[in-house]
Structures are given as C-alpha cells and as structure tokens.
PDB file of N, CA and C in Angstrom:
ATOM      1  N   UNK A   1       1.724 -12.841   0.312  1.00  0.00           N
ATOM      2  CA  UNK A   1       1.718 -13.173  -1.097  1.00  0.00           C
ATOM      3  C   UNK A   1       1.028 -12.048  -1.863  1.00  0.00           C
ATOM      4  N   UNK A   2       1.628 -11.603  -2.899  1.00  0.00           N
ATOM      5  CA  UNK A   2       1.074 -10.542  -3.726  1.00  0.00           C
ATOM      6  C   UNK A   2       0.295 -11.161  -4.876  1.00  0.00           C
ATOM      7  N   UNK A   3      -0.900 -10.597  -5.159  1.00  0.00           N
ATOM      8  CA  UNK A   3      -1.665 -11.174  -6.255  1.00  0.00           C
ATOM      9  C   UNK A   3      -1.944 -10.192  -7.387  1.00  0.00           C
ATOM     10  N   UNK A   4      -1.433  -9.004  -7.304  1.00  0.00           N
ATOM     11  CA  UNK A   4      -1.603  -8.101  -8.430  1.00  0.00           C
ATOM     12  C   UNK A   4      -1.090  -6.707  -8.123  1.00  0.00           C
ATOM     13  N   UNK A   5      -0.637  -6.014  -9.140  1.00  0.00           N
ATOM     14  CA  UNK A   5      -0.184  -4.641  -8.966  1.00  0.00           C
ATOM     15  C   UNK A   5      -0.201  -3.936 -10.302  1.00  0.00           C
ATOM     16  N   UNK A   6      -0.200  -2.606 -10.232  1.00  0.00           N
ATOM     17  CA  UNK A   6      -0.166  -1.853 -11.463  1.00  0.00           C
ATOM     18  C   UNK A   6      -0.114  -0.361 -11.199  1.00  0.00           C
ATOM     19  N   UNK A   7       0.371   0.351 -12.175  1.00  0.00           N
ATOM     20  CA  UNK A   7       0.414   1.805 -12.098  1.00  0.00           C
ATOM     21  C   UNK A   7      -0.514   2.362 -13.155  1.00  0.00           C
ATOM     22  N   UNK A   8      -1.369   3.255 -12.692  1.00  0.00           N
ATOM     23  CA  UNK A   8      -2.243   3.973 -13.598  1.00  0.00           C
ATOM     24  C   UNK A   8      -2.050   5.458 -13.331  1.00  0.00           C
ATOM     25  N   UNK A   9      -2.655   6.260 -14.145  1.00  0.00           N
ATOM     26  CA  UNK A   9      -2.522   7.706 -14.001  1.00  0.00           C
ATOM     27  C   UNK A   9      -2.989   8.173 -12.623  1.00  0.00           C
ATOM     28  N   UNK A  10      -4.012   7.524 -12.080  1.00  0.00           N
ATOM     29  CA  UNK A  10      -4.594   7.965 -10.818  1.00  0.00           C
ATOM     30  C   UNK A  10      -3.998   7.292  -9.582  1.00  0.00           C
ATOM     31  N   UNK A  11      -2.992   6.437  -9.738  1.00  0.00           N
ATOM     32  CA  UNK A  11      -2.376   5.854  -8.550  1.00  0.00           C
ATOM     33  C   UNK A  11      -1.629   4.567  -8.808  1.00  0.00           C
ATOM     34  N   UNK A  12      -0.852   4.186  -7.808  1.00  0.00           N
ATOM     35  CA  UNK A  12      -0.179   2.887  -7.797  1.00  0.00           C
ATOM     36  C   UNK A  12      -1.108   1.930  -7.056  1.00  0.00           C
ATOM     37  N   UNK A  13      -1.427   0.817  -7.660  1.00  0.00           N
ATOM     38  CA  UNK A  13      -2.375  -0.130  -7.086  1.00  0.00           C
ATOM     39  C   UNK A  13      -1.686  -1.461  -6.850  1.00  0.00           C
ATOM     40  N   UNK A  14      -1.994  -2.039  -5.695  1.00  0.00           N
ATOM     41  CA  UNK A  14      -1.456  -3.376  -5.428  1.00  0.00           C
ATOM     42  C   UNK A  14      -2.404  -4.115  -4.505  1.00  0.00           C
ATOM     43  N   UNK A  15      -2.583  -5.380  -4.784  1.00  0.00           N
ATOM     44  CA  UNK A  15      -3.405  -6.256  -3.947  1.00  0.00           C
ATOM     45  C   UNK A  15      -2.493  -7.272  -3.289  1.00  0.00           C
ATOM     46  N   UNK A  16      -2.675  -7.436  -1.990  1.00  0.00           N
ATOM     47  CA  UNK A  16      -1.900  -8.392  -1.209  1.00  0.00           C
ATOM     48  C   UNK A  16      -2.858  -9.424  -0.631  1.00  0.00           C
ATOM     49  N   UNK A  17      -2.470 -10.676  -0.707  1.00  0.00           N
ATOM     50  CA  UNK A  17      -3.285 -11.743  -0.130  1.00  0.00           C
ATOM     51  C   UNK A  17      -2.448 -12.485   0.911  1.00  0.00           C
ATOM     52  N   UNK A  18      -3.057 -12.743   2.058  1.00  0.00           N
ATOM     53  CA  UNK A  18      -2.377 -13.381   3.175  1.00  0.00           C
ATOM     54  C   UNK A  18      -3.106 -14.672   3.557  1.00  0.00           C
ATOM     55  N   UNK A  19      -2.511 -15.426   4.474  1.00  0.00           N
ATOM     56  CA  UNK A  19      -3.118 -16.688   4.903  1.00  0.00           C
ATOM     57  C   UNK A  19      -4.443 -16.482   5.607  1.00  0.00           C
ATOM     58  N   UNK A  20      -4.535 -15.386   6.370  1.00  0.00           N
ATOM     59  CA  UNK A  20      -5.736 -15.163   7.170  1.00  0.00           C
ATOM     60  C   UNK A  20      -5.864 -13.676   7.532  1.00  0.00           C
ATOM     61  N   UNK A  21      -6.922 -13.360   8.237  1.00  0.00           N
ATOM     62  CA  UNK A  21      -7.194 -11.984   8.630  1.00  0.00           C
ATOM     63  C   UNK A  21      -6.107 -11.423   9.537  1.00  0.00           C
ATOM     64  N   UNK A  22      -5.621 -12.228  10.463  1.00  0.00           N
ATOM     65  CA  UNK A  22      -4.599 -11.756  11.407  1.00  0.00           C
ATOM     66  C   UNK A  22      -3.332 -11.315  10.675  1.00  0.00           C
ATOM     67  N   UNK A  23      -2.900 -12.074   9.680  1.00  0.00           N
ATOM     68  CA  UNK A  23      -1.717 -11.693   8.907  1.00  0.00           C
ATOM     69  C   UNK A  23      -1.971 -10.417   8.106  1.00  0.00           C
ATOM     70  N   UNK A  24      -3.156 -10.300   7.544  1.00  0.00           N
ATOM     71  CA  UNK A  24      -3.500  -9.091   6.791  1.00  0.00           C
ATOM     72  C   UNK A  24      -3.487  -7.874   7.715  1.00  0.00           C
ATOM     73  N   UNK A  25      -4.052  -8.019   8.904  1.00  0.00           N
ATOM     74  CA  UNK A  25      -4.105  -6.910   9.857  1.00  0.00           C
ATOM     75  C   UNK A  25      -2.697  -6.537  10.332  1.00  0.00           C
ATOM     76  N   UNK A  26      -1.858  -7.517  10.564  1.00  0.00           N
ATOM     77  CA  UNK A  26      -0.475  -7.249  10.975  1.00  0.00           C
ATOM     78  C   UNK A  26       0.253  -6.449   9.891  1.00  0.00           C
ATOM     79  N   UNK A  27       0.061  -6.828   8.644  1.00  0.00           N
ATOM     80  CA  UNK A  27       0.649  -6.104   7.515  1.00  0.00           C
ATOM     81  C   UNK A  27       0.150  -4.662   7.489  1.00  0.00           C
ATOM     82  N   UNK A  28      -1.156  -4.472   7.667  1.00  0.00           N
ATOM     83  CA  UNK A  28      -1.720  -3.121   7.657  1.00  0.00           C
ATOM     84  C   UNK A  28      -1.132  -2.268   8.773  1.00  0.00           C
ATOM     85  N   UNK A  29      -0.914  -2.857   9.932  1.00  0.00           N
ATOM     86  CA  UNK A  29      -0.280  -2.110  11.035  1.00  0.00           C
ATOM     87  C   UNK A  29       1.122  -1.659  10.653  1.00  0.00           C
ATOM     88  N   UNK A  30       1.871  -2.526  10.014  1.00  0.00           N
ATOM     89  CA  UNK A  30       3.235  -2.175   9.591  1.00  0.00           C
ATOM     90  C   UNK A  30       3.214  -1.081   8.537  1.00  0.00           C
ATOM     91  N   UNK A  31       2.282  -1.176   7.589  1.00  0.00           N
ATOM     92  CA  UNK A  31       2.155  -0.139   6.564  1.00  0.00           C
ATOM     93  C   UNK A  31       1.756   1.186   7.196  1.00  0.00           C
ATOM     94  N   UNK A  32       0.888   1.147   8.182  1.00  0.00           N
ATOM     95  CA  UNK A  32       0.456   2.376   8.857  1.00  0.00           C
ATOM     96  C   UNK A  32       1.633   3.103   9.488  1.00  0.00           C
ATOM     97  N   UNK A  33       2.542   2.370  10.095  1.00  0.00           N
ATOM     98  CA  UNK A  33       3.732   2.975  10.703  1.00  0.00           C
ATOM     99  C   UNK A  33       4.598   3.627   9.627  1.00  0.00           C
ATOM    100  N   UNK A  34       4.822   2.919   8.514  1.00  0.00           N
ATOM    101  CA  UNK A  34       5.612   3.479   7.416  1.00  0.00           C
ATOM    102  C   UNK A  34       4.954   4.744   6.852  1.00  0.00           C
ATOM    103  N   UNK A  35       3.661   4.666   6.623  1.00  0.00           N
ATOM    104  CA  UNK A  35       2.935   5.791   6.035  1.00  0.00           C
ATOM    105  C   UNK A  35       2.978   7.007   6.948  1.00  0.00           C
ATOM    106  N   UNK A  36       2.784   6.794   8.224  1.00  0.00           N
ATOM    107  CA  UNK A  36       2.814   7.908   9.173  1.00  0.00           C
ATOM    108  C   UNK A  36       4.197   8.543   9.208  1.00  0.00           C
ATOM    109  N   UNK A  37       5.236   7.726   9.185  1.00  0.00           N
ATOM    110  CA  UNK A  37       6.606   8.245   9.201  1.00  0.00           C
ATOM    111  C   UNK A  37       6.896   9.092   7.965  1.00  0.00           C
ATOM    112  N   UNK A  38       6.271   8.735   6.839  1.00  0.00           N
ATOM    113  CA  UNK A  38       6.478   9.472   5.593  1.00  0.00           C
ATOM    114  C   UNK A  38       5.412  10.548   5.377  1.00  0.00           C
ATOM    115  N   UNK A  39       4.490  10.687   6.326  1.00  0.00           N
ATOM    116  CA  UNK A  39       3.379  11.634   6.210  1.00  0.00           C
ATOM    117  C   UNK A  39       2.672  11.472   4.867  1.00  0.00           C
ATOM    118  N   UNK A  40       2.418  10.223   4.534  1.00  0.00           N
ATOM    119  CA  UNK A  40       1.751   9.895   3.269  1.00  0.00           C
ATOM    120  C   UNK A  40       0.839   8.706   3.533  1.00  0.00           C
ATOM    121  N   UNK A  41      -0.428   8.875   3.327  1.00  0.00           N
ATOM    122  CA  UNK A  41      -1.382   7.869   3.774  1.00  0.00           C
ATOM    123  C   UNK A  41      -2.136   7.256   2.603  1.00  0.00           C
ATOM    124  N   UNK A  42      -2.125   5.930   2.533  1.00  0.00           N
ATOM    125  CA  UNK A  42      -2.726   5.240   1.398  1.00  0.00           C
ATOM    126  C   UNK A  42      -4.254   5.210   1.468  1.00  0.00           C
ATOM    127  N   UNK A  43      -4.848   5.044   0.319  1.00  0.00           N
ATOM    128  CA  UNK A  43      -6.249   4.643   0.240  1.00  0.00           C
ATOM    129  C   UNK A  43      -6.185   3.123   0.234  1.00  0.00           C
ATOM    130  N   UNK A  44      -6.909   2.491   1.146  1.00  0.00           N
ATOM    131  CA  UNK A  44      -6.833   1.040   1.201  1.00  0.00           C
ATOM    132  C   UNK A  44      -8.117   0.433   1.711  1.00  0.00           C
ATOM    133  N   UNK A  45      -8.225  -0.865   1.476  1.00  0.00           N
ATOM    134  CA  UNK A  45      -9.355  -1.613   2.003  1.00  0.00           C
ATOM    135  C   UNK A  45      -8.865  -3.001   2.387  1.00  0.00           C
ATOM    136  N   UNK A  46      -9.637  -3.620   3.258  1.00  0.00           N
ATOM    137  CA  UNK A  46      -9.312  -4.956   3.739  1.00  0.00           C
ATOM    138  C   UNK A  46     -10.591  -5.779   3.762  1.00  0.00           C
ATOM    139  N   UNK A  47     -10.514  -6.970   3.205  1.00  0.00           N
ATOM    140  CA  UNK A  47     -11.598  -7.932   3.302  1.00  0.00           C
ATOM    141  C   UNK A  47     -10.972  -9.280   3.629  1.00  0.00           C
ATOM    142  N   UNK A  48     -11.182  -9.713   4.853  1.00  0.00           N
ATOM    143  CA  UNK A  48     -10.615 -10.933   5.400  1.00  0.00           C
ATOM    144  C   UNK A  48      -9.098 -10.984   5.202  1.00  0.00           C
ATOM    145  N   UNK A  49      -8.617 -11.727   4.222  1.00  0.00           N
ATOM    146  CA  UNK A  49      -7.174 -11.900   4.065  1.00  0.00           C
ATOM    147  C   UNK A  49      -6.590 -11.084   2.914  1.00  0.00           C
ATOM    148  N   UNK A  50      -7.372 -10.170   2.335  1.00  0.00           N
ATOM    149  CA  UNK A  50      -6.927  -9.377   1.188  1.00  0.00           C
ATOM    150  C   UNK A  50      -6.854  -7.903   1.575  1.00  0.00           C
ATOM    151  N   UNK A  51      -5.736  -7.279   1.214  1.00  0.00           N
ATOM    152  CA  UNK A  51      -5.547  -5.843   1.424  1.00  0.00           C
ATOM    153  C   UNK A  51      -5.287  -5.218   0.063  1.00  0.00           C
ATOM    154  N   UNK A  52      -6.114  -4.256  -0.309  1.00  0.00           N
ATOM    155  CA  UNK A  52      -5.925  -3.489  -1.538  1.00  0.00           C
ATOM    156  C   UNK A  52      -5.407  -2.109  -1.162  1.00  0.00           C
ATOM    157  N   UNK A  53      -4.326  -1.676  -1.798  1.00  0.00           N
ATOM    158  CA  UNK A  53      -3.723  -0.377  -1.510  1.00  0.00           C
ATOM    159  C   UNK A  53      -3.614   0.424  -2.804  1.00  0.00           C
ATOM    160  N   UNK A  54      -3.971   1.701  -2.718  1.00  0.00           N
ATOM    161  CA  UNK A  54      -3.759   2.650  -3.799  1.00  0.00           C
ATOM    162  C   UNK A  54      -2.975   3.824  -3.244  1.00  0.00           C
ATOM    163  N   UNK A  55      -1.887   4.156  -3.906  1.00  0.00           N
ATOM    164  CA  UNK A  55      -1.076   5.306  -3.510  1.00  0.00           C
ATOM    165  C   UNK A  55      -1.182   6.372  -4.585  1.00  0.00           C
ATOM    166  N   UNK A  56      -1.534   7.567  -4.174  1.00  0.00           N
ATOM    167  CA  UNK A  56      -1.521   8.726  -5.055  1.00  0.00           C
ATOM    168  C   UNK A  56      -1.347   9.951  -4.174  1.00  0.00           C
ATOM    169  N   UNK A  57      -0.842  10.991  -4.755  1.00  0.00           N
ATOM    170  CA  UNK A  57      -0.634  12.218  -3.986  1.00  0.00           C
ATOM    171  C   UNK A  57      -1.858  13.111  -4.135  1.00  0.00           C
ATOM    172  N   UNK A  58      -2.619  13.178  -3.065  1.00  0.00           N
ATOM    173  CA  UNK A  58      -3.839  13.978  -3.085  1.00  0.00           C
ATOM    174  C   UNK A  58      -3.523  15.449  -3.339  1.00  0.00           C
ATOM    175  N   UNK A  59      -2.424  15.905  -2.745  1.00  0.00           N
ATOM    176  CA  UNK A  59      -2.051  17.312  -2.930  1.00  0.00           C
ATOM    177  C   UNK A  59      -1.431  17.557  -4.305  1.00  0.00           C
ATOM    178  N   UNK A  60      -1.174  16.487  -5.035  1.00  0.00           N
ATOM    179  CA  UNK A  60      -0.644  16.605  -6.396  1.00  0.00           C
ATOM    180  C   UNK A  60      -1.722  16.366  -7.436  1.00  0.00           C
ATOM    181  N   UNK A  61      -2.989  16.540  -7.016  1.00  0.00           N
ATOM    182  CA  UNK A  61      -4.088  16.338  -7.958  1.00  0.00           C
ATOM    183  C   UNK A  61      -4.405  14.874  -8.193  1.00  0.00           C
ATOM    184  N   UNK A  62      -4.157  14.044  -7.171  1.00  0.00           N
ATOM    185  CA  UNK A  62      -4.388  12.589  -7.253  1.00  0.00           C
ATOM    186  C   UNK A  62      -3.608  11.968  -8.411  1.00  0.00           C
ATOM    187  N   UNK A  63      -2.356  12.355  -8.507  1.00  0.00           N
ATOM    188  CA  UNK A  63      -1.462  11.787  -9.511  1.00  0.00           C
ATOM    189  C   UNK A  63      -0.366  11.008  -8.803  1.00  0.00           C
ATOM    190  N   UNK A  64       0.399  10.257  -9.553  1.00  0.00           N
ATOM    191  CA  UNK A  64       1.517   9.492  -9.012  1.00  0.00           C
ATOM    192  C   UNK A  64       2.754  10.383  -8.997  1.00  0.00           C
ATOM    193  N   UNK A  65       3.397  10.438  -7.834  1.00  0.00           N
ATOM    194  CA  UNK A  65       4.609  11.240  -7.674  1.00  0.00           C
ATOM    195  C   UNK A  65       5.718  10.374  -7.092  1.00  0.00           C
ATOM    196  N   UNK A  66       6.898  10.954  -6.979  1.00  0.00           N
ATOM    197  CA  UNK A  66       8.037  10.247  -6.370  1.00  0.00           C
ATOM    198  C   UNK A  66       7.703   9.820  -4.949  1.00  0.00           C
ATOM    199  N   UNK A  67       6.901  10.612  -4.277  1.00  0.00           N
ATOM    200  CA  UNK A  67       6.493  10.293  -2.905  1.00  0.00           C
ATOM    201  C   UNK A  67       5.727   8.964  -2.858  1.00  0.00           C
ATOM    202  N   UNK A  68       4.881   8.730  -3.837  1.00  0.00           N
ATOM    203  CA  UNK A  68       4.133   7.474  -3.903  1.00  0.00           C
ATOM    204  C   UNK A  68       5.069   6.298  -4.147  1.00  0.00           C
ATOM    205  N   UNK A  69       6.030   6.503  -5.032  1.00  0.00           N
ATOM    206  CA  UNK A  69       6.995   5.437  -5.303  1.00  0.00           C
ATOM    207  C   UNK A  69       7.847   5.116  -4.075  1.00  0.00           C
ATOM    208  N   UNK A  70       8.197   6.116  -3.282  1.00  0.00           N
ATOM    209  CA  UNK A  70       8.973   5.870  -2.057  1.00  0.00           C
ATOM    210  C   UNK A  70       8.190   4.988  -1.084  1.00  0.00           C
ATOM    211  N   UNK A  71       6.916   5.327  -0.872  1.00  0.00           N
ATOM    212  CA  UNK A  71       6.123   4.511   0.045  1.00  0.00           C
ATOM    213  C   UNK A  71       5.892   3.122  -0.539  1.00  0.00           C
ATOM    214  N   UNK A  72       5.666   3.021  -1.838  1.00  0.00           N
ATOM    215  CA  UNK A  72       5.485   1.711  -2.475  1.00  0.00           C
ATOM    216  C   UNK A  72       6.720   0.837  -2.280  1.00  0.00           C
ATOM    217  N   UNK A  73       7.888   1.422  -2.431  1.00  0.00           N
ATOM    218  CA  UNK A  73       9.131   0.673  -2.232  1.00  0.00           C
ATOM    219  C   UNK A  73       9.231   0.180  -0.794  1.00  0.00           C
ATOM    220  N   UNK A  74       8.903   1.033   0.155  1.00  0.00           N
ATOM    221  CA  UNK A  74       8.951   0.639   1.570  1.00  0.00           C
ATOM    222  C   UNK A  74       7.948  -0.476   1.860  1.00  0.00           C
ATOM    223  N   UNK A  75       6.766  -0.402   1.265  1.00  0.00           N
ATOM    224  CA  UNK A  75       5.762  -1.460   1.449  1.00  0.00           C
ATOM    225  C   UNK A  75       6.256  -2.760   0.825  1.00  0.00           C
ATOM    226  N   UNK A  76       6.832  -2.685  -0.357  1.00  0.00           N
ATOM    227  CA  UNK A  76       7.363  -3.885  -1.012  1.00  0.00           C
ATOM    228  C   UNK A  76       8.439  -4.546  -0.167  1.00  0.00           C
ATOM    229  N   UNK A  77       9.251  -3.747   0.500  1.00  0.00           N
ATOM    230  CA  UNK A  77      10.303  -4.304   1.353  1.00  0.00           C
ATOM    231  C   UNK A  77       9.729  -5.071   2.536  1.00  0.00           C
ATOM    232  N   UNK A  78       8.543  -4.708   3.011  1.00  0.00           N
ATOM    233  CA  UNK A  78       7.905  -5.465   4.078  1.00  0.00           C
ATOM    234  C   UNK A  78       7.612  -6.897   3.632  1.00  0.00           C
ATOM    235  N   UNK A  79       7.210  -7.038   2.389  1.00  0.00           N
ATOM    236  CA  UNK A  79       6.835  -8.350   1.859  1.00  0.00           C
ATOM    237  C   UNK A  79       8.054  -9.227   1.598  1.00  0.00           C
ATOM    238  N   UNK A  80       9.167  -8.618   1.236  1.00  0.00           N
ATOM    239  CA  UNK A  80      10.350  -9.416   0.890  1.00  0.00           C
ATOM    240  C   UNK A  80      11.209  -9.766   2.101  1.00  0.00           C
ATOM    241  N   UNK A  81      10.847  -9.273   3.254  1.00  0.00           N
ATOM    242  CA  UNK A  81      11.632  -9.611   4.464  1.00  0.00           C
ATOM    243  C   UNK A  81      11.344 -10.999   4.938  1.00  0.00           C
TER     244      UNK A  81
END
C-alpha cells in the first residue's frame, strides 16, 4: 500500500507501507534487484513496515532525470502486480 509520493527538485519521493516488516523487506529486496540491473541506487530507509525511497541522479547534481523516472516506473510496477 502506498501512502505518499511526490516530485521535488532534489528527487522523486515515495513512501510505501506494508502489513509487516517481512513484506517491507521483501519489497526492498525486489527493488534492490531492479536498481542493480539499472545501475541506479535509491536513497532509502526502512522502519518496521514503512519504506521511504528517494530517487535522484547523484551524478546529475542530485537532480531528477529520466533515469530516476525509469526506476520509479519499475518500482511502481512491483506494487501493481
């Protein structure tokens, strides 16, 4: 379940809330595989059942690029499956 998202100059932000820690961790594992495949790694945090993700291109001066949108789309597809 998604509980918030937004785009700011410094990144794409989204908060995901799950039933429990195990579901949150499973989601993070799936995102890690996607990120590694795209050679693009999110800034994220996890507290129990909540995962906060920020995507920005560090090599682009911490701005939002097409690369960030590609990974965001792939992450969104994980939730809609």
